[in-house]
């Protein structure tokens, strides 16, 4: 990704904002998917987006390929994310879980 941004939305999942101002979809652009405020993080290997009721969206470093993770989460409402030393900390409305980055 050059001068592009990945943008979490309130109702359309994750979109790509291009340098020229155009907006294009990603594999995580999904109607009705709400990305919670403060629930996006990237570390050069992964891009993560926490959703309101649909678990964790996990993208590759470029935000091109995405999958949804729900297994092992205390709640499908992911409200906060952090990455430290290859460990992803996922905050949900029912608690916190640690996931090794290589498991995602």
PDB file of N, CA and C in Angstrom:
ATOM      1  N   UNK A   1       0.839  -1.181   0.000  1.00  0.00           N
ATOM      2  CA  UNK A   1       0.000   0.000   0.000  1.00  0.00           C
ATOM      3  C   UNK A   1       0.877   1.233   0.000  1.00  0.00           C
ATOM      4  N   UNK A   2       0.626   2.116  -0.929  1.00  0.00           N
ATOM      5  CA  UNK A   2       1.375   3.357  -1.002  1.00  0.00           C
ATOM      6  C   UNK A   2       0.724   4.426  -0.161  1.00  0.00           C
ATOM      7  N   UNK A   3       0.039   5.325  -0.835  1.00  0.00           N
ATOM      8  CA  UNK A   3      -0.653   6.418  -0.156  1.00  0.00           C
ATOM      9  C   UNK A   3      -2.131   6.096  -0.004  1.00  0.00           C
ATOM     10  N   UNK A   4      -2.421   4.908   0.435  1.00  0.00           N
ATOM     11  CA  UNK A   4      -3.790   4.455   0.624  1.00  0.00           C
ATOM     12  C   UNK A   4      -4.051   4.245   2.110  1.00  0.00           C
ATOM     13  N   UNK A   5      -5.314   4.298   2.453  1.00  0.00           N
ATOM     14  CA  UNK A   5      -5.742   4.052   3.824  1.00  0.00           C
ATOM     15  C   UNK A   5      -6.842   3.008   3.803  1.00  0.00           C
ATOM     16  N   UNK A   6      -6.892   2.185   4.821  1.00  0.00           N
ATOM     17  CA  UNK A   6      -8.024   1.300   5.034  1.00  0.00           C
ATOM     18  C   UNK A   6      -8.910   1.963   6.078  1.00  0.00           C
ATOM     19  N   UNK A   7     -10.191   2.042   5.779  1.00  0.00           N
ATOM     20  CA  UNK A   7     -11.118   2.788   6.613  1.00  0.00           C
ATOM     21  C   UNK A   7     -12.218   1.861   7.111  1.00  0.00           C
ATOM     22  N   UNK A   8     -12.361   1.756   8.422  1.00  0.00           N
ATOM     23  CA  UNK A   8     -13.460   1.003   9.011  1.00  0.00           C
ATOM     24  C   UNK A   8     -14.697   1.873   9.031  1.00  0.00           C
ATOM     25  N   UNK A   9     -15.823   1.305   8.606  1.00  0.00           N
ATOM     26  CA  UNK A   9     -17.050   2.084   8.489  1.00  0.00           C
ATOM     27  C   UNK A   9     -18.127   1.578   9.439  1.00  0.00           C
ATOM     28  N   UNK A  10     -19.136   2.380   9.588  1.00  0.00           N
ATOM     29  CA  UNK A  10     -20.280   2.018  10.411  1.00  0.00           C
ATOM     30  C   UNK A  10     -21.401   1.554   9.486  1.00  0.00           C
ATOM     31  N   UNK A  11     -21.223   0.347   8.917  1.00  0.00           N
ATOM     32  CA  UNK A  11     -22.268  -0.205   8.072  1.00  0.00           C
ATOM     33  C   UNK A  11     -21.809  -0.801   6.756  1.00  0.00           C
ATOM     34  N   UNK A  12     -20.516  -0.663   6.421  1.00  0.00           N
ATOM     35  CA  UNK A  12     -20.018  -1.231   5.151  1.00  0.00           C
ATOM     36  C   UNK A  12     -18.700  -1.968   5.324  1.00  0.00           C
ATOM     37  N   UNK A  13     -18.311  -2.281   6.549  1.00  0.00           N
ATOM     38  CA  UNK A  13     -17.055  -3.008   6.762  1.00  0.00           C
ATOM     39  C   UNK A  13     -15.840  -2.132   6.531  1.00  0.00           C
ATOM     40  N   UNK A  14     -14.857  -2.652   5.787  1.00  0.00           N
ATOM     41  CA  UNK A  14     -13.591  -1.940   5.558  1.00  0.00           C
ATOM     42  C   UNK A  14     -13.472  -1.570   4.085  1.00  0.00           C
ATOM     43  N   UNK A  15     -13.246  -0.290   3.840  1.00  0.00           N
ATOM     44  CA  UNK A  15     -13.058   0.238   2.489  1.00  0.00           C
ATOM     45  C   UNK A  15     -11.636   0.755   2.331  1.00  0.00           C
ATOM     46  N   UNK A  16     -11.187   0.868   1.082  1.00  0.00           N
ATOM     47  CA  UNK A  16      -9.866   1.422   0.785  1.00  0.00           C
ATOM     48  C   UNK A  16     -10.052   2.847   0.265  1.00  0.00           C
ATOM     49  N   UNK A  17      -9.376   3.804   0.906  1.00  0.00           N
ATOM     50  CA  UNK A  17      -9.365   5.195   0.472  1.00  0.00           C
ATOM     51  C   UNK A  17      -8.086   5.412  -0.315  1.00  0.00           C
ATOM     52  N   UNK A  18      -8.198   5.637  -1.614  1.00  0.00           N
ATOM     53  CA  UNK A  18      -7.047   5.784  -2.504  1.00  0.00           C
ATOM     54  C   UNK A  18      -6.453   7.192  -2.378  1.00  0.00           C
ATOM     55  N   UNK A  19      -5.222   7.357  -2.832  1.00  0.00           N
ATOM     56  CA  UNK A  19      -4.519   8.644  -2.755  1.00  0.00           C
ATOM     57  C   UNK A  19      -5.271   9.743  -3.505  1.00  0.00           C
ATOM     58  N   UNK A  20      -5.988   9.377  -4.571  1.00  0.00           N
ATOM     59  CA  UNK A  20      -6.719  10.374  -5.353  1.00  0.00           C
ATOM     60  C   UNK A  20      -8.079  10.718  -4.757  1.00  0.00           C
ATOM     61  N   UNK A  21      -8.405  10.108  -3.600  1.00  0.00           N
ATOM     62  CA  UNK A  21      -9.669  10.388  -2.926  1.00  0.00           C
ATOM     63  C   UNK A  21     -10.785   9.417  -3.267  1.00  0.00           C
ATOM     64  N   UNK A  22     -10.539   8.518  -4.194  1.00  0.00           N
ATOM     65  CA  UNK A  22     -11.583   7.545  -4.533  1.00  0.00           C
ATOM     66  C   UNK A  22     -11.653   6.457  -3.469  1.00  0.00           C
ATOM     67  N   UNK A  23     -12.804   5.865  -3.350  1.00  0.00           N
ATOM     68  CA  UNK A  23     -13.045   4.815  -2.381  1.00  0.00           C
ATOM     69  C   UNK A  23     -13.357   3.530  -3.142  1.00  0.00           C
ATOM     70  N   UNK A  24     -12.645   2.454  -2.792  1.00  0.00           N
ATOM     71  CA  UNK A  24     -12.872   1.171  -3.450  1.00  0.00           C
ATOM     72  C   UNK A  24     -13.128   0.096  -2.392  1.00  0.00           C
ATOM     73  N   UNK A  25     -13.854  -0.941  -2.764  1.00  0.00           N
ATOM     74  CA  UNK A  25     -14.127  -2.009  -1.806  1.00  0.00           C
ATOM     75  C   UNK A  25     -12.917  -2.912  -1.580  1.00  0.00           C
ATOM     76  N   UNK A  26     -12.935  -3.643  -0.466  1.00  0.00           N
ATOM     77  CA  UNK A  26     -11.978  -4.706  -0.159  1.00  0.00           C
ATOM     78  C   UNK A  26     -12.782  -5.983   0.042  1.00  0.00           C
ATOM     79  N   UNK A  27     -12.105  -7.082   0.304  1.00  0.00           N
ATOM     80  CA  UNK A  27     -12.826  -8.319   0.644  1.00  0.00           C
ATOM     81  C   UNK A  27     -13.588  -8.179   1.956  1.00  0.00           C
ATOM     82  N   UNK A  28     -13.269  -7.153   2.738  1.00  0.00           N
ATOM     83  CA  UNK A  28     -13.951  -6.912   4.013  1.00  0.00           C
ATOM     84  C   UNK A  28     -15.017  -5.828   3.893  1.00  0.00           C
ATOM     85  N   UNK A  29     -15.350  -5.425   2.668  1.00  0.00           N
ATOM     86  CA  UNK A  29     -16.440  -4.489   2.450  1.00  0.00           C
ATOM     87  C   UNK A  29     -17.715  -5.319   2.365  1.00  0.00           C
ATOM     88  N   UNK A  30     -18.516  -5.226   3.418  1.00  0.00           N
ATOM     89  CA  UNK A  30     -19.708  -6.070   3.520  1.00  0.00           C
ATOM     90  C   UNK A  30     -20.860  -5.231   4.065  1.00  0.00           C
ATOM     91  N   UNK A  31     -21.948  -5.264   3.369  1.00  0.00           N
ATOM     92  CA  UNK A  31     -23.119  -4.505   3.782  1.00  0.00           C
ATOM     93  C   UNK A  31     -23.552  -4.907   5.186  1.00  0.00           C
ATOM     94  N   UNK A  32     -23.812  -3.920   6.013  1.00  0.00           N
ATOM     95  CA  UNK A  32     -24.285  -4.157   7.369  1.00  0.00           C
ATOM     96  C   UNK A  32     -23.209  -4.409   8.410  1.00  0.00           C
ATOM     97  N   UNK A  33     -21.944  -4.497   8.007  1.00  0.00           N
ATOM     98  CA  UNK A  33     -20.863  -4.742   8.973  1.00  0.00           C
ATOM     99  C   UNK A  33     -20.409  -3.419   9.579  1.00  0.00           C
ATOM    100  N   UNK A  34     -20.504  -3.336  10.894  1.00  0.00           N
ATOM    101  CA  UNK A  34     -20.102  -2.146  11.640  1.00  0.00           C
ATOM    102  C   UNK A  34     -18.729  -2.391  12.253  1.00  0.00           C
ATOM    103  N   UNK A  35     -17.754  -1.543  11.898  1.00  0.00           N
ATOM    104  CA  UNK A  35     -16.440  -1.585  12.532  1.00  0.00           C
ATOM    105  C   UNK A  35     -16.490  -0.619  13.707  1.00  0.00           C
ATOM    106  N   UNK A  36     -16.229  -1.137  14.907  1.00  0.00           N
ATOM    107  CA  UNK A  36     -16.292  -0.313  16.113  1.00  0.00           C
ATOM    108  C   UNK A  36     -15.209   0.768  16.106  1.00  0.00           C
ATOM    109  N   UNK A  37     -15.563   1.976  16.568  1.00  0.00           N
ATOM    110  CA  UNK A  37     -14.543   3.021  16.716  1.00  0.00           C
ATOM    111  C   UNK A  37     -13.427   2.520  17.635  1.00  0.00           C
ATOM    112  N   UNK A  38     -12.225   2.846  17.335  1.00  0.00           N
ATOM    113  CA  UNK A  38     -11.003   2.444  18.058  1.00  0.00           C
ATOM    114  C   UNK A  38     -10.712   0.955  17.964  1.00  0.00           C
ATOM    115  N   UNK A  39     -11.364   0.246  17.032  1.00  0.00           N
ATOM    116  CA  UNK A  39     -11.127  -1.191  16.918  1.00  0.00           C
ATOM    117  C   UNK A  39     -10.495  -1.543  15.574  1.00  0.00           C
ATOM    118  N   UNK A  40      -9.469  -0.793  15.181  1.00  0.00           N
ATOM    119  CA  UNK A  40      -8.659  -1.142  14.013  1.00  0.00           C
ATOM    120  C   UNK A  40      -7.196  -0.969  14.383  1.00  0.00           C
ATOM    121  N   UNK A  41      -6.366  -1.909  13.900  1.00  0.00           N
ATOM    122  CA  UNK A  41      -4.937  -1.835  14.179  1.00  0.00           C
ATOM    123  C   UNK A  41      -4.198  -2.572  13.059  1.00  0.00           C
ATOM    124  N   UNK A  42      -2.973  -2.141  12.801  1.00  0.00           N
ATOM    125  CA  UNK A  42      -2.120  -2.803  11.803  1.00  0.00           C
ATOM    126  C   UNK A  42      -0.691  -2.805  12.322  1.00  0.00           C
ATOM    127  N   UNK A  43       0.084  -3.821  11.907  1.00  0.00           N
ATOM    128  CA  UNK A  43       1.474  -3.886  12.363  1.00  0.00           C
ATOM    129  C   UNK A  43       2.465  -4.229  11.245  1.00  0.00           C
ATOM    130  N   UNK A  44       2.037  -4.154   9.995  1.00  0.00           N
ATOM    131  CA  UNK A  44       2.931  -4.496   8.895  1.00  0.00           C
ATOM    132  C   UNK A  44       2.767  -5.927   8.423  1.00  0.00           C
ATOM    133  N   UNK A  45       2.210  -6.778   9.274  1.00  0.00           N
ATOM    134  CA  UNK A  45       1.894  -8.164   8.902  1.00  0.00           C
ATOM    135  C   UNK A  45       0.401  -8.376   8.742  1.00  0.00           C
ATOM    136  N   UNK A  46      -0.363  -7.753   9.631  1.00  0.00           N
ATOM    137  CA  UNK A  46      -1.811  -7.916   9.657  1.00  0.00           C
ATOM    138  C   UNK A  46      -2.514  -6.575   9.764  1.00  0.00           C
ATOM    139  N   UNK A  47      -3.750  -6.559   9.299  1.00  0.00           N
ATOM    140  CA  UNK A  47      -4.673  -5.459   9.551  1.00  0.00           C
ATOM    141  C   UNK A  47      -5.876  -6.095  10.231  1.00  0.00           C
ATOM    142  N   UNK A  48      -6.269  -5.548  11.371  1.00  0.00           N
ATOM    143  CA  UNK A  48      -7.371  -6.110  12.140  1.00  0.00           C
ATOM    144  C   UNK A  48      -8.469  -5.075  12.324  1.00  0.00           C
ATOM    145  N   UNK A  49      -9.718  -5.526  12.245  1.00  0.00           N
ATOM    146  CA  UNK A  49     -10.858  -4.644  12.474  1.00  0.00           C
ATOM    147  C   UNK A  49     -11.864  -5.372  13.347  1.00  0.00           C
ATOM    148  N   UNK A  50     -12.241  -4.754  14.462  1.00  0.00           N
ATOM    149  CA  UNK A  50     -13.227  -5.329  15.367  1.00  0.00           C
ATOM    150  C   UNK A  50     -14.615  -4.876  14.986  1.00  0.00           C
ATOM    151  N   UNK A  51     -15.548  -5.810  14.959  1.00  0.00           N
ATOM    152  CA  UNK A  51     -16.895  -5.475  14.525  1.00  0.00           C
ATOM    153  C   UNK A  51     -17.896  -5.504  15.676  1.00  0.00           C
ATOM    154  N   UNK A  52     -19.028  -4.907  15.421  1.00  0.00           N
ATOM    155  CA  UNK A  52     -20.147  -4.901  16.357  1.00  0.00           C
ATOM    156  C   UNK A  52     -20.989  -6.141  16.067  1.00  0.00           C
ATOM    157  N   UNK A  53     -20.662  -7.242  16.754  1.00  0.00           N
ATOM    158  CA  UNK A  53     -21.477  -8.440  16.657  1.00  0.00           C
ATOM    159  C   UNK A  53     -21.095  -9.459  15.608  1.00  0.00           C
ATOM    160  N   UNK A  54     -20.006  -9.225  14.857  1.00  0.00           N
ATOM    161  CA  UNK A  54     -19.611 -10.189  13.833  1.00  0.00           C
ATOM    162  C   UNK A  54     -18.163 -10.640  13.975  1.00  0.00           C
ATOM    163  N   UNK A  55     -17.563 -10.423  15.128  1.00  0.00           N
ATOM    164  CA  UNK A  55     -16.224 -10.917  15.399  1.00  0.00           C
ATOM    165  C   UNK A  55     -15.114 -10.021  14.887  1.00  0.00           C
ATOM    166  N   UNK A  56     -13.999 -10.669  14.538  1.00  0.00           N
ATOM    167  CA  UNK A  56     -12.767  -9.979  14.170  1.00  0.00           C
ATOM    168  C   UNK A  56     -12.480 -10.189  12.691  1.00  0.00           C
ATOM    169  N   UNK A  57     -12.310  -9.091  11.954  1.00  0.00           N
ATOM    170  CA  UNK A  57     -11.887  -9.163  10.557  1.00  0.00           C
ATOM    171  C   UNK A  57     -10.366  -9.134  10.543  1.00  0.00           C
ATOM    172  N   UNK A  58      -9.756 -10.094   9.848  1.00  0.00           N
ATOM    173  CA  UNK A  58      -8.304 -10.220   9.793  1.00  0.00           C
ATOM    174  C   UNK A  58      -7.870 -10.116   8.335  1.00  0.00           C
ATOM    175  N   UNK A  59      -7.059  -9.093   8.052  1.00  0.00           N
ATOM    176  CA  UNK A  59      -6.559  -8.899   6.695  1.00  0.00           C
ATOM    177  C   UNK A  59      -5.061  -9.079   6.635  1.00  0.00           C
ATOM    178  N   UNK A  60      -4.564  -9.388   5.439  1.00  0.00           N
ATOM    179  CA  UNK A  60      -3.110  -9.458   5.260  1.00  0.00           C
ATOM    180  C   UNK A  60      -2.528  -8.049   5.325  1.00  0.00           C
ATOM    181  N   UNK A  61      -1.217  -7.921   5.227  1.00  0.00           N
ATOM    182  CA  UNK A  61      -0.535  -6.630   5.409  1.00  0.00           C
ATOM    183  C   UNK A  61      -1.032  -5.558   4.444  1.00  0.00           C
ATOM    184  N   UNK A  62      -1.463  -5.952   3.255  1.00  0.00           N
ATOM    185  CA  UNK A  62      -1.937  -4.981   2.265  1.00  0.00           C
ATOM    186  C   UNK A  62      -3.429  -4.720   2.374  1.00  0.00           C
ATOM    187  N   UNK A  63      -4.115  -5.494   3.220  1.00  0.00           N
ATOM    188  CA  UNK A  63      -5.560  -5.332   3.329  1.00  0.00           C
ATOM    189  C   UNK A  63      -6.283  -5.866   2.110  1.00  0.00           C
ATOM    190  N   UNK A  64      -5.651  -6.809   1.418  1.00  0.00           N
ATOM    191  CA  UNK A  64      -6.234  -7.366   0.196  1.00  0.00           C
ATOM    192  C   UNK A  64      -7.068  -8.605   0.486  1.00  0.00           C
ATOM    193  N   UNK A  65      -6.520  -9.527   1.260  1.00  0.00           N
ATOM    194  CA  UNK A  65      -7.227 -10.771   1.596  1.00  0.00           C
ATOM    195  C   UNK A  65      -7.712 -10.683   3.039  1.00  0.00           C
ATOM    196  N   UNK A  66      -8.977 -11.041   3.259  1.00  0.00           N
ATOM    197  CA  UNK A  66      -9.590 -10.940   4.579  1.00  0.00           C
ATOM    198  C   UNK A  66     -10.290 -12.233   4.954  1.00  0.00           C
ATOM    199  N   UNK A  67     -10.368 -12.473   6.257  1.00  0.00           N
ATOM    200  CA  UNK A  67     -11.179 -13.555   6.792  1.00  0.00           C
ATOM    201  C   UNK A  67     -11.808 -13.059   8.087  1.00  0.00           C
ATOM    202  N   UNK A  68     -12.801 -13.781   8.547  1.00  0.00           N
ATOM    203  CA  UNK A  68     -13.476 -13.440   9.793  1.00  0.00           C
ATOM    204  C   UNK A  68     -13.151 -14.499  10.839  1.00  0.00           C
ATOM    205  N   UNK A  69     -12.777 -14.042  12.036  1.00  0.00           N
ATOM    206  CA  UNK A  69     -12.480 -14.935  13.153  1.00  0.00           C
ATOM    207  C   UNK A  69     -13.536 -14.726  14.232  1.00  0.00           C
ATOM    208  N   UNK A  70     -14.158 -15.823  14.660  1.00  0.00           N
ATOM    209  CA  UNK A  70     -15.123 -15.759  15.757  1.00  0.00           C
ATOM    210  C   UNK A  70     -14.770 -16.764  16.849  1.00  0.00           C
ATOM    211  N   UNK A  71     -14.090 -17.849  16.492  1.00  0.00           N
ATOM    212  CA  UNK A  71     -13.748 -18.895  17.453  1.00  0.00           C
ATOM    213  C   UNK A  71     -12.823 -18.362  18.537  1.00  0.00           C
ATOM    214  N   UNK A  72     -13.152 -18.658  19.783  1.00  0.00           N
ATOM    215  CA  UNK A  72     -12.308 -18.272  20.912  1.00  0.00           C
ATOM    216  C   UNK A  72     -12.540 -16.872  21.438  1.00  0.00           C
ATOM    217  N   UNK A  73     -13.404 -16.109  20.805  1.00  0.00           N
ATOM    218  CA  UNK A  73     -13.686 -14.752  21.297  1.00  0.00           C
ATOM    219  C   UNK A  73     -14.743 -14.812  22.394  1.00  0.00           C
ATOM    220  N   UNK A  74     -14.556 -14.061  23.493  1.00  0.00           N
ATOM    221  CA  UNK A  74     -15.546 -14.050  24.568  1.00  0.00           C
ATOM    222  C   UNK A  74     -16.889 -13.454  24.134  1.00  0.00           C
ATOM    223  N   UNK A  75     -16.857 -12.638  23.090  1.00  0.00           N
ATOM    224  CA  UNK A  75     -18.053 -12.000  22.540  1.00  0.00           C
ATOM    225  C   UNK A  75     -17.765 -11.662  21.084  1.00  0.00           C
ATOM    226  N   UNK A  76     -18.793 -11.598  20.264  1.00  0.00           N
ATOM    227  CA  UNK A  76     -18.619 -11.203  18.864  1.00  0.00           C
ATOM    228  C   UNK A  76     -18.579  -9.690  18.689  1.00  0.00           C
ATOM    229  N   UNK A  77     -18.768  -8.958  19.796  1.00  0.00           N
ATOM    230  CA  UNK A  77     -18.644  -7.498  19.772  1.00  0.00           C
ATOM    231  C   UNK A  77     -17.213  -7.136  20.176  1.00  0.00           C
ATOM    232  N   UNK A  78     -16.351  -6.920  19.182  1.00  0.00           N
ATOM    233  CA  UNK A  78     -14.933  -6.605  19.419  1.00  0.00           C
ATOM    234  C   UNK A  78     -14.790  -5.090  19.498  1.00  0.00           C
ATOM    235  N   UNK A  79     -14.399  -4.604  20.685  1.00  0.00           N
ATOM    236  CA  UNK A  79     -14.400  -3.170  20.947  1.00  0.00           C
ATOM    237  C   UNK A  79     -13.015  -2.534  20.994  1.00  0.00           C
ATOM    238  N   UNK A  80     -11.966  -3.337  21.118  1.00  0.00           N
ATOM    239  CA  UNK A  80     -10.613  -2.780  21.218  1.00  0.00           C
ATOM    240  C   UNK A  80      -9.597  -3.802  20.722  1.00  0.00           C
ATOM    241  N   UNK A  81      -8.500  -3.301  20.141  1.00  0.00           N
ATOM    242  CA  UNK A  81      -7.441  -4.160  19.622  1.00  0.00           C
ATOM    243  C   UNK A  81      -6.081  -3.549  19.908  1.00  0.00           C
ATOM    244  N   UNK A  82      -5.115  -4.417  20.184  1.00  0.00           N
ATOM    245  CA  UNK A  82      -3.720  -3.989  20.328  1.00  0.00           C
ATOM    246  C   UNK A  82      -2.833  -5.150  19.908  1.00  0.00           C
ATOM    247  N   UNK A  83      -1.659  -4.823  19.382  1.00  0.00           N
ATOM    248  CA  UNK A  83      -0.671  -5.838  19.028  1.00  0.00           C
ATOM    249  C   UNK A  83       0.630  -5.471  19.715  1.00  0.00           C
ATOM    250  N   UNK A  84       1.222  -6.461  20.412  1.00  0.00           N
ATOM    251  CA  UNK A  84       2.498  -6.242  21.082  1.00  0.00           C
ATOM    252  C   UNK A  84       3.299  -7.530  21.035  1.00  0.00           C
ATOM    253  N   UNK A  85       4.491  -7.456  20.475  1.00  0.00           N
ATOM    254  CA  UNK A  85       5.402  -8.610  20.406  1.00  0.00           C
ATOM    255  C   UNK A  85       4.703  -9.853  19.855  1.00  0.00           C
ATOM    256  N   UNK A  86       4.076  -9.721  18.684  1.00  0.00           N
ATOM    257  CA  UNK A  86       3.425 -10.830  17.980  1.00  0.00           C
ATOM    258  C   UNK A  86       2.229 -11.433  18.716  1.00  0.00           C
ATOM    259  N   UNK A  87       1.686 -10.702  19.680  1.00  0.00           N
ATOM    260  CA  UNK A  87       0.472 -11.127  20.377  1.00  0.00           C
ATOM    261  C   UNK A  87      -0.611 -10.082  20.124  1.00  0.00           C
ATOM    262  N   UNK A  88      -1.781 -10.570  19.725  1.00  0.00           N
ATOM    263  CA  UNK A  88      -2.924  -9.697  19.496  1.00  0.00           C
ATOM    264  C   UNK A  88      -3.810  -9.749  20.739  1.00  0.00           C
ATOM    265  N   UNK A  89      -4.136  -8.593  21.267  1.00  0.00           N
ATOM    266  CA  UNK A  89      -5.031  -8.468  22.407  1.00  0.00           C
ATOM    267  C   UNK A  89      -6.379  -7.996  21.859  1.00  0.00           C
ATOM    268  N   UNK A  90      -7.405  -8.794  22.096  1.00  0.00           N
ATOM    269  CA  UNK A  90      -8.730  -8.506  21.566  1.00  0.00           C
ATOM    270  C   UNK A  90      -9.665  -8.220  22.733  1.00  0.00           C
ATOM    271  N   UNK A  91     -10.125  -6.982  22.805  1.00  0.00           N
ATOM    272  CA  UNK A  91     -11.073  -6.588  23.843  1.00  0.00           C
ATOM    273  C   UNK A  91     -12.489  -6.735  23.326  1.00  0.00           C
ATOM    274  N   UNK A  92     -13.327  -7.396  24.114  1.00  0.00           N
ATOM    275  CA  UNK A  92     -14.729  -7.574  23.749  1.00  0.00           C
ATOM    276  C   UNK A  92     -15.599  -7.111  24.901  1.00  0.00           C
ATOM    277  N   UNK A  93     -16.898  -7.092  24.669  1.00  0.00           N
ATOM    278  CA  UNK A  93     -17.792  -6.670  25.749  1.00  0.00           C
ATOM    279  C   UNK A  93     -17.824  -7.678  26.893  1.00  0.00           C
ATOM    280  N   UNK A  94     -17.298  -8.889  26.671  1.00  0.00           N
ATOM    281  CA  UNK A  94     -17.277  -9.906  27.722  1.00  0.00           C
ATOM    282  C   UNK A  94     -15.878 -10.262  28.190  1.00  0.00           C
ATOM    283  N   UNK A  95     -14.900  -9.430  27.878  1.00  0.00           N
ATOM    284  CA  UNK A  95     -13.560  -9.692  28.364  1.00  0.00           C
ATOM    285  C   UNK A  95     -12.491  -9.611  27.282  1.00  0.00           C
ATOM    286  N   UNK A  96     -11.278  -9.922  27.702  1.00  0.00           N
ATOM    287  CA  UNK A  96     -10.077  -9.786  26.872  1.00  0.00           C
ATOM    288  C   UNK A  96      -9.523 -11.170  26.562  1.00  0.00           C
ATOM    289  N   UNK A  97      -9.035 -11.339  25.341  1.00  0.00           N
ATOM    290  CA  UNK A  97      -8.388 -12.587  24.961  1.00  0.00           C
ATOM    291  C   UNK A  97      -7.071 -12.246  24.248  1.00  0.00           C
ATOM    292  N   UNK A  98      -6.050 -13.092  24.479  1.00  0.00           N
ATOM    293  CA  UNK A  98      -4.768 -12.955  23.797  1.00  0.00           C
ATOM    294  C   UNK A  98      -4.686 -14.039  22.723  1.00  0.00           C
ATOM    295  N   UNK A  99      -4.264 -13.631  21.514  1.00  0.00           N
ATOM    296  CA  UNK A  99      -4.120 -14.578  20.407  1.00  0.00           C
ATOM    297  C   UNK A  99      -2.750 -14.366  19.789  1.00  0.00           C
ATOM    298  N   UNK A 100      -1.993 -15.437  19.629  1.00  0.00           N
ATOM    299  CA  UNK A 100      -0.708 -15.354  18.944  1.00  0.00           C
ATOM    300  C   UNK A 100      -0.959 -14.940  17.495  1.00  0.00           C
ATOM    301  N   UNK A 101      -0.190 -13.984  16.998  1.00  0.00           N
ATOM    302  CA  UNK A 101      -0.378 -13.483  15.641  1.00  0.00           C
ATOM    303  C   UNK A 101      -0.311 -14.589  14.600  1.00  0.00           C
ATOM    304  N   UNK A 102       0.534 -15.587  14.834  1.00  0.00           N
ATOM    305  CA  UNK A 102       0.670 -16.660  13.853  1.00  0.00           C
ATOM    306  C   UNK A 102      -0.557 -17.573  13.797  1.00  0.00           C
ATOM    307  N   UNK A 103      -1.449 -17.472  14.761  1.00  0.00           N
ATOM    308  CA  UNK A 103      -2.704 -18.246  14.744  1.00  0.00           C
ATOM    309  C   UNK A 103      -3.763 -17.582  13.876  1.00  0.00           C
ATOM    310  N   UNK A 104      -3.531 -16.312  13.530  1.00  0.00           N
ATOM    311  CA  UNK A 104      -4.489 -15.598  12.713  1.00  0.00           C
ATOM    312  C   UNK A 104      -4.110 -15.684  11.251  1.00  0.00           C
TER     313      UNK A 104
END
